[in-house]
């Protein structure tokens, strides 16, 4: 969401596994009317160890008449060294280009205390475009003491919702930190 001066944010203490977060911002000036509000709940039921489900919704208006309603929901489950997650987001606004549906899935595996690998994929659709933007990636990391070596490879198809040959992108990264 947005942030700015005079923003109110509240995160509740956990109550039987449920945590509520709320935020509100209203900062008007002569040029723009910026407003933002959201509400979210994350629930980790005590009877199902490793499960977290969440839902949130919010409204943003960066300039007068451009309000966009956002909704997000997710589920994440960790069992031993494996974590699986799924997420859906939706944005609805006055213009068709503001209507975006997003879906993502990911899985990670902690091979040991030092080595982790993960795979993720996502798809994003804009109501005003017939083409879906898709991405997938794999990553791995190794940590020893205060040093981490990591790498990732990501492929994106139809980036910027285009079918042009140049709209398909690939990248890789190798990083070390001490």
C-alpha atoms as a PDB file:
ATOM      1  CA  UNK A   1       0.000   0.000   0.000  1.00  0.00           C
ATOM      2  CA  UNK A   2       0.864   3.651   0.261  1.00  0.00           C
ATOM      3  CA  UNK A   3       2.590   5.384   3.119  1.00  0.00           C
ATOM      4  CA  UNK A   4       3.007   8.980   4.205  1.00  0.00           C
ATOM      5  CA  UNK A   5       2.834  11.474   7.036  1.00  0.00           C
ATOM      6  CA  UNK A   6       0.058  10.959   9.575  1.00  0.00           C
ATOM      7  CA  UNK A   7      -0.455   7.305   8.643  1.00  0.00           C
ATOM      8  CA  UNK A   8      -2.147   5.142  11.246  1.00  0.00           C
ATOM      9  CA  UNK A   9      -1.159   1.456  11.438  1.00  0.00           C
ATOM     10  CA  UNK A  10      -2.254  -1.094  14.016  1.00  0.00           C
ATOM     11  CA  UNK A  11      -1.230  -4.736  14.422  1.00  0.00           C
ATOM     12  CA  UNK A  12      -3.077  -6.663  17.101  1.00  0.00           C
ATOM     13  CA  UNK A  13      -1.492  -9.170  19.405  1.00  0.00           C
ATOM     14  CA  UNK A  14      -2.164 -12.772  18.428  1.00  0.00           C
ATOM     15  CA  UNK A  15      -5.433 -14.085  19.810  1.00  0.00           C
ATOM     16  CA  UNK A  16      -5.781 -17.877  19.499  1.00  0.00           C
ATOM     17  CA  UNK A  17      -3.592 -17.725  16.390  1.00  0.00           C
ATOM     18  CA  UNK A  18      -5.319 -14.743  14.728  1.00  0.00           C
ATOM     19  CA  UNK A  19      -3.580 -11.424  14.081  1.00  0.00           C
ATOM     20  CA  UNK A  20      -5.366  -8.384  12.650  1.00  0.00           C
ATOM     21  CA  UNK A  21      -3.627  -5.512  10.871  1.00  0.00           C
ATOM     22  CA  UNK A  22      -5.235  -2.201   9.875  1.00  0.00           C
ATOM     23  CA  UNK A  23      -3.862   0.931   8.225  1.00  0.00           C
ATOM     24  CA  UNK A  24      -5.276   4.312   7.216  1.00  0.00           C
ATOM     25  CA  UNK A  25      -3.792   7.332   5.438  1.00  0.00           C
ATOM     26  CA  UNK A  26      -5.539  10.500   4.290  1.00  0.00           C
ATOM     27  CA  UNK A  27      -3.206  13.244   3.092  1.00  0.00           C
ATOM     28  CA  UNK A  28      -4.929  15.818   0.869  1.00  0.00           C
ATOM     29  CA  UNK A  29      -3.270  18.762  -0.841  1.00  0.00           C
ATOM     30  CA  UNK A  30      -4.203  21.117  -3.670  1.00  0.00           C
ATOM     31  CA  UNK A  31      -2.911  18.767  -6.400  1.00  0.00           C
ATOM     32  CA  UNK A  32      -3.785  15.229  -5.313  1.00  0.00           C
ATOM     33  CA  UNK A  33      -6.018  13.485  -2.817  1.00  0.00           C
ATOM     34  CA  UNK A  34      -4.036  10.537  -1.521  1.00  0.00           C
ATOM     35  CA  UNK A  35      -5.924   8.049   0.595  1.00  0.00           C
ATOM     36  CA  UNK A  36      -5.267   4.488   1.624  1.00  0.00           C
ATOM     37  CA  UNK A  37      -6.958   2.049   3.957  1.00  0.00           C
ATOM     38  CA  UNK A  38      -6.608  -1.664   4.505  1.00  0.00           C
ATOM     39  CA  UNK A  39      -7.637  -4.494   6.758  1.00  0.00           C
ATOM     40  CA  UNK A  40      -6.029  -7.939   6.959  1.00  0.00           C
ATOM     41  CA  UNK A  41      -6.191 -11.033   9.101  1.00  0.00           C
ATOM     42  CA  UNK A  42      -3.677 -13.851   9.343  1.00  0.00           C
ATOM     43  CA  UNK A  43      -4.709 -17.019  11.125  1.00  0.00           C
ATOM     44  CA  UNK A  44      -2.417 -19.812  12.289  1.00  0.00           C
ATOM     45  CA  UNK A  45      -4.731 -22.320  13.962  1.00  0.00           C
ATOM     46  CA  UNK A  46      -3.200 -23.861  17.051  1.00  0.00           C
ATOM     47  CA  UNK A  47      -4.600 -27.308  16.144  1.00  0.00           C
ATOM     48  CA  UNK A  48      -2.774 -27.411  12.751  1.00  0.00           C
ATOM     49  CA  UNK A  49       0.916 -26.734  13.301  1.00  0.00           C
ATOM     50  CA  UNK A  50       2.581 -25.014  10.320  1.00  0.00           C
ATOM     51  CA  UNK A  51      -0.609 -23.714   8.626  1.00  0.00           C
ATOM     52  CA  UNK A  52      -1.230 -20.003   8.059  1.00  0.00           C
ATOM     53  CA  UNK A  53      -4.119 -18.549   6.056  1.00  0.00           C
ATOM     54  CA  UNK A  54      -4.626 -14.874   5.367  1.00  0.00           C
ATOM     55  CA  UNK A  55      -7.059 -12.445   3.804  1.00  0.00           C
ATOM     56  CA  UNK A  56      -6.774  -8.729   3.250  1.00  0.00           C
ATOM     57  CA  UNK A  57      -8.538  -5.950   1.446  1.00  0.00           C
ATOM     58  CA  UNK A  58      -7.745  -2.310   0.918  1.00  0.00           C
ATOM     59  CA  UNK A  59      -8.556   0.805  -1.088  1.00  0.00           C
ATOM     60  CA  UNK A  60      -6.069   3.232  -2.628  1.00  0.00           C
ATOM     61  CA  UNK A  61      -6.724   6.554  -4.319  1.00  0.00           C
ATOM     62  CA  UNK A  62      -3.525   8.262  -5.461  1.00  0.00           C
ATOM     63  CA  UNK A  63      -5.391  11.026  -7.311  1.00  0.00           C
ATOM     64  CA  UNK A  64      -9.036  12.031  -7.152  1.00  0.00           C
ATOM     65  CA  UNK A  65     -11.297   9.582  -9.015  1.00  0.00           C
ATOM     66  CA  UNK A  66      -8.722   6.767  -9.327  1.00  0.00           C
ATOM     67  CA  UNK A  67      -9.782   4.519  -6.457  1.00  0.00           C
ATOM     68  CA  UNK A  68      -8.630   0.902  -6.742  1.00  0.00           C
ATOM     69  CA  UNK A  69      -9.957  -1.877  -4.514  1.00  0.00           C
ATOM     70  CA  UNK A  70      -7.403  -4.580  -3.649  1.00  0.00           C
ATOM     71  CA  UNK A  71      -8.086  -8.066  -2.309  1.00  0.00           C
ATOM     72  CA  UNK A  72      -5.521 -10.704  -1.374  1.00  0.00           C
ATOM     73  CA  UNK A  73      -5.743 -14.176   0.101  1.00  0.00           C
ATOM     74  CA  UNK A  74      -3.134 -16.808   0.755  1.00  0.00           C
ATOM     75  CA  UNK A  75      -2.425 -20.127   2.384  1.00  0.00           C
ATOM     76  CA  UNK A  76       0.984 -21.328   3.541  1.00  0.00           C
ATOM     77  CA  UNK A  77       1.820 -24.691   5.053  1.00  0.00           C
ATOM     78  CA  UNK A  78       5.133 -25.826   6.511  1.00  0.00           C
ATOM     79  CA  UNK A  79       5.789 -29.453   7.306  1.00  0.00           C
ATOM     80  CA  UNK A  80       9.282 -30.242   8.476  1.00  0.00           C
ATOM     81  CA  UNK A  81      11.681 -28.746   5.955  1.00  0.00           C
ATOM     82  CA  UNK A  82       9.081 -28.194   3.177  1.00  0.00           C
ATOM     83  CA  UNK A  83       6.997 -25.027   2.822  1.00  0.00           C
ATOM     84  CA  UNK A  84       4.222 -24.684   0.221  1.00  0.00           C
ATOM     85  CA  UNK A  85       2.323 -21.474  -0.479  1.00  0.00           C
ATOM     86  CA  UNK A  86      -0.496 -20.285  -2.735  1.00  0.00           C
ATOM     87  CA  UNK A  87      -1.743 -16.723  -3.240  1.00  0.00           C
ATOM     88  CA  UNK A  88      -4.462 -14.906  -5.202  1.00  0.00           C
ATOM     89  CA  UNK A  89      -4.715 -11.119  -5.549  1.00  0.00           C
ATOM     90  CA  UNK A  90      -7.242  -8.962  -7.343  1.00  0.00           C
ATOM     91  CA  UNK A  91      -7.345  -5.240  -8.093  1.00  0.00           C
ATOM     92  CA  UNK A  92     -10.514  -3.525  -9.350  1.00  0.00           C
ATOM     93  CA  UNK A  93     -10.614   0.066 -10.524  1.00  0.00           C
ATOM     94  CA  UNK A  94     -12.623   2.407 -12.720  1.00  0.00           C
ATOM     95  CA  UNK A  95     -10.484   1.711 -15.817  1.00  0.00           C
ATOM     96  CA  UNK A  96     -10.122  -1.762 -17.332  1.00  0.00           C
ATOM     97  CA  UNK A  97      -6.344  -1.359 -17.091  1.00  0.00           C
ATOM     98  CA  UNK A  98      -6.756  -1.171 -13.294  1.00  0.00           C
ATOM     99  CA  UNK A  99      -8.396  -4.637 -13.119  1.00  0.00           C
ATOM    100  CA  UNK A 100      -5.629  -7.141 -12.418  1.00  0.00           C
ATOM    101  CA  UNK A 101      -5.890 -10.791 -11.345  1.00  0.00           C
ATOM    102  CA  UNK A 102      -2.746 -12.425  -9.949  1.00  0.00           C
ATOM    103  CA  UNK A 103      -2.107 -16.017  -8.902  1.00  0.00           C
ATOM    104  CA  UNK A 104       1.118 -17.527  -7.527  1.00  0.00           C
ATOM    105  CA  UNK A 105       2.400 -20.823  -6.164  1.00  0.00           C
ATOM    106  CA  UNK A 106       5.690 -21.640  -4.470  1.00  0.00           C
ATOM    107  CA  UNK A 107       7.474 -24.478  -2.757  1.00  0.00           C
ATOM    108  CA  UNK A 108      10.731 -24.447  -0.825  1.00  0.00           C
ATOM    109  CA  UNK A 109      12.817 -27.187   0.712  1.00  0.00           C
ATOM    110  CA  UNK A 110      15.456 -26.761   3.398  1.00  0.00           C
ATOM    111  CA  UNK A 111      17.859 -29.533   2.431  1.00  0.00           C
ATOM    112  CA  UNK A 112      19.842 -28.884   5.621  1.00  0.00           C
ATOM    113  CA  UNK A 113      20.403 -26.021   8.034  1.00  0.00           C
ATOM    114  CA  UNK A 114      22.755 -24.537   5.420  1.00  0.00           C
ATOM    115  CA  UNK A 115      21.150 -25.343   2.024  1.00  0.00           C
ATOM    116  CA  UNK A 116      17.723 -24.320   0.693  1.00  0.00           C
ATOM    117  CA  UNK A 117      16.090 -24.587  -2.739  1.00  0.00           C
ATOM    118  CA  UNK A 118      12.813 -23.129  -3.988  1.00  0.00           C
ATOM    119  CA  UNK A 119      10.549 -23.041  -7.065  1.00  0.00           C
ATOM    120  CA  UNK A 120       7.871 -20.405  -7.743  1.00  0.00           C
ATOM    121  CA  UNK A 121       5.489 -19.595 -10.565  1.00  0.00           C
ATOM    122  CA  UNK A 122       2.931 -16.857 -11.141  1.00  0.00           C
ATOM    123  CA  UNK A 123       0.388 -15.591 -13.649  1.00  0.00           C
ATOM    124  CA  UNK A 124      -0.989 -12.067 -13.930  1.00  0.00           C
ATOM    125  CA  UNK A 125      -3.895 -10.936 -16.123  1.00  0.00           C
ATOM    126  CA  UNK A 126      -5.143  -7.434 -16.865  1.00  0.00           C
ATOM    127  CA  UNK A 127      -8.796  -7.166 -17.899  1.00  0.00           C
ATOM    128  CA  UNK A 128      -7.936  -4.834 -20.787  1.00  0.00           C
ATOM    129  CA  UNK A 129      -5.370  -7.327 -22.246  1.00  0.00           C
ATOM    130  CA  UNK A 130      -5.973 -10.767 -23.733  1.00  0.00           C
ATOM    131  CA  UNK A 131      -2.439 -11.890 -22.867  1.00  0.00           C
ATOM    132  CA  UNK A 132      -1.421 -13.262 -19.476  1.00  0.00           C
ATOM    133  CA  UNK A 133       2.000 -12.472 -18.052  1.00  0.00           C
ATOM    134  CA  UNK A 134       3.662 -15.618 -16.664  1.00  0.00           C
ATOM    135  CA  UNK A 135       6.831 -16.075 -14.625  1.00  0.00           C
ATOM    136  CA  UNK A 136       8.645 -19.005 -13.045  1.00  0.00           C
ATOM    137  CA  UNK A 137      11.875 -19.262 -11.153  1.00  0.00           C
ATOM    138  CA  UNK A 138      14.156 -21.504  -9.181  1.00  0.00           C
ATOM    139  CA  UNK A 139      16.570 -20.435  -6.473  1.00  0.00           C
ATOM    140  CA  UNK A 140      19.111 -21.997  -4.145  1.00  0.00           C
ATOM    141  CA  UNK A 141      21.241 -20.758  -1.274  1.00  0.00           C
ATOM    142  CA  UNK A 142      24.067 -21.992   0.914  1.00  0.00           C
ATOM    143  CA  UNK A 143      24.874 -20.396   4.265  1.00  0.00           C
ATOM    144  CA  UNK A 144      27.938 -21.049   6.392  1.00  0.00           C
ATOM    145  CA  UNK A 145      28.502 -18.838   9.421  1.00  0.00           C
ATOM    146  CA  UNK A 146      28.149 -15.229   8.266  1.00  0.00           C
ATOM    147  CA  UNK A 147      28.500 -16.039   4.548  1.00  0.00           C
ATOM    148  CA  UNK A 148      25.698 -16.781   2.086  1.00  0.00           C
ATOM    149  CA  UNK A 149      26.043 -17.785  -1.553  1.00  0.00           C
ATOM    150  CA  UNK A 150      22.814 -17.784  -3.546  1.00  0.00           C
ATOM    151  CA  UNK A 151      21.638 -18.050  -7.108  1.00  0.00           C
ATOM    152  CA  UNK A 152      18.431 -17.869  -9.078  1.00  0.00           C
ATOM    153  CA  UNK A 153      17.102 -18.293 -12.598  1.00  0.00           C
ATOM    154  CA  UNK A 154      13.831 -16.650 -13.660  1.00  0.00           C
ATOM    155  CA  UNK A 155      11.877 -16.899 -16.917  1.00  0.00           C
ATOM    156  CA  UNK A 156       9.091 -14.491 -17.810  1.00  0.00           C
ATOM    157  CA  UNK A 157       6.692 -14.889 -20.738  1.00  0.00           C
ATOM    158  CA  UNK A 158       4.567 -12.099 -22.190  1.00  0.00           C
ATOM    159  CA  UNK A 159       6.101  -9.459 -19.921  1.00  0.00           C
ATOM    160  CA  UNK A 160       4.127  -6.204 -19.930  1.00  0.00           C
ATOM    161  CA  UNK A 161       1.251  -8.351 -21.295  1.00  0.00           C
ATOM    162  CA  UNK A 162       2.775  -8.445 -24.773  1.00  0.00           C
ATOM    163  CA  UNK A 163       3.228 -11.373 -27.183  1.00  0.00           C
ATOM    164  CA  UNK A 164       6.152  -9.708 -28.968  1.00  0.00           C
ATOM    165  CA  UNK A 165       9.286 -11.850 -29.163  1.00  0.00           C
ATOM    166  CA  UNK A 166      11.105  -9.292 -27.004  1.00  0.00           C
ATOM    167  CA  UNK A 167       8.437  -9.664 -24.278  1.00  0.00           C
ATOM    168  CA  UNK A 168       9.885 -13.003 -23.140  1.00  0.00           C
ATOM    169  CA  UNK A 169      12.667 -12.409 -20.624  1.00  0.00           C
ATOM    170  CA  UNK A 170      15.135 -14.617 -18.777  1.00  0.00           C
ATOM    171  CA  UNK A 171      17.597 -13.699 -16.064  1.00  0.00           C
ATOM    172  CA  UNK A 172      19.971 -15.293 -13.649  1.00  0.00           C
ATOM    173  CA  UNK A 173      21.796 -14.008 -10.622  1.00  0.00           C
ATOM    174  CA  UNK A 174      24.646 -15.258  -8.470  1.00  0.00           C
ATOM    175  CA  UNK A 175      25.231 -13.427  -5.206  1.00  0.00           C
ATOM    176  CA  UNK A 176      27.543 -13.664  -2.228  1.00  0.00           C
ATOM    177  CA  UNK A 177      27.218 -11.811   1.046  1.00  0.00           C
ATOM    178  CA  UNK A 178      29.496 -11.719   4.061  1.00  0.00           C
END
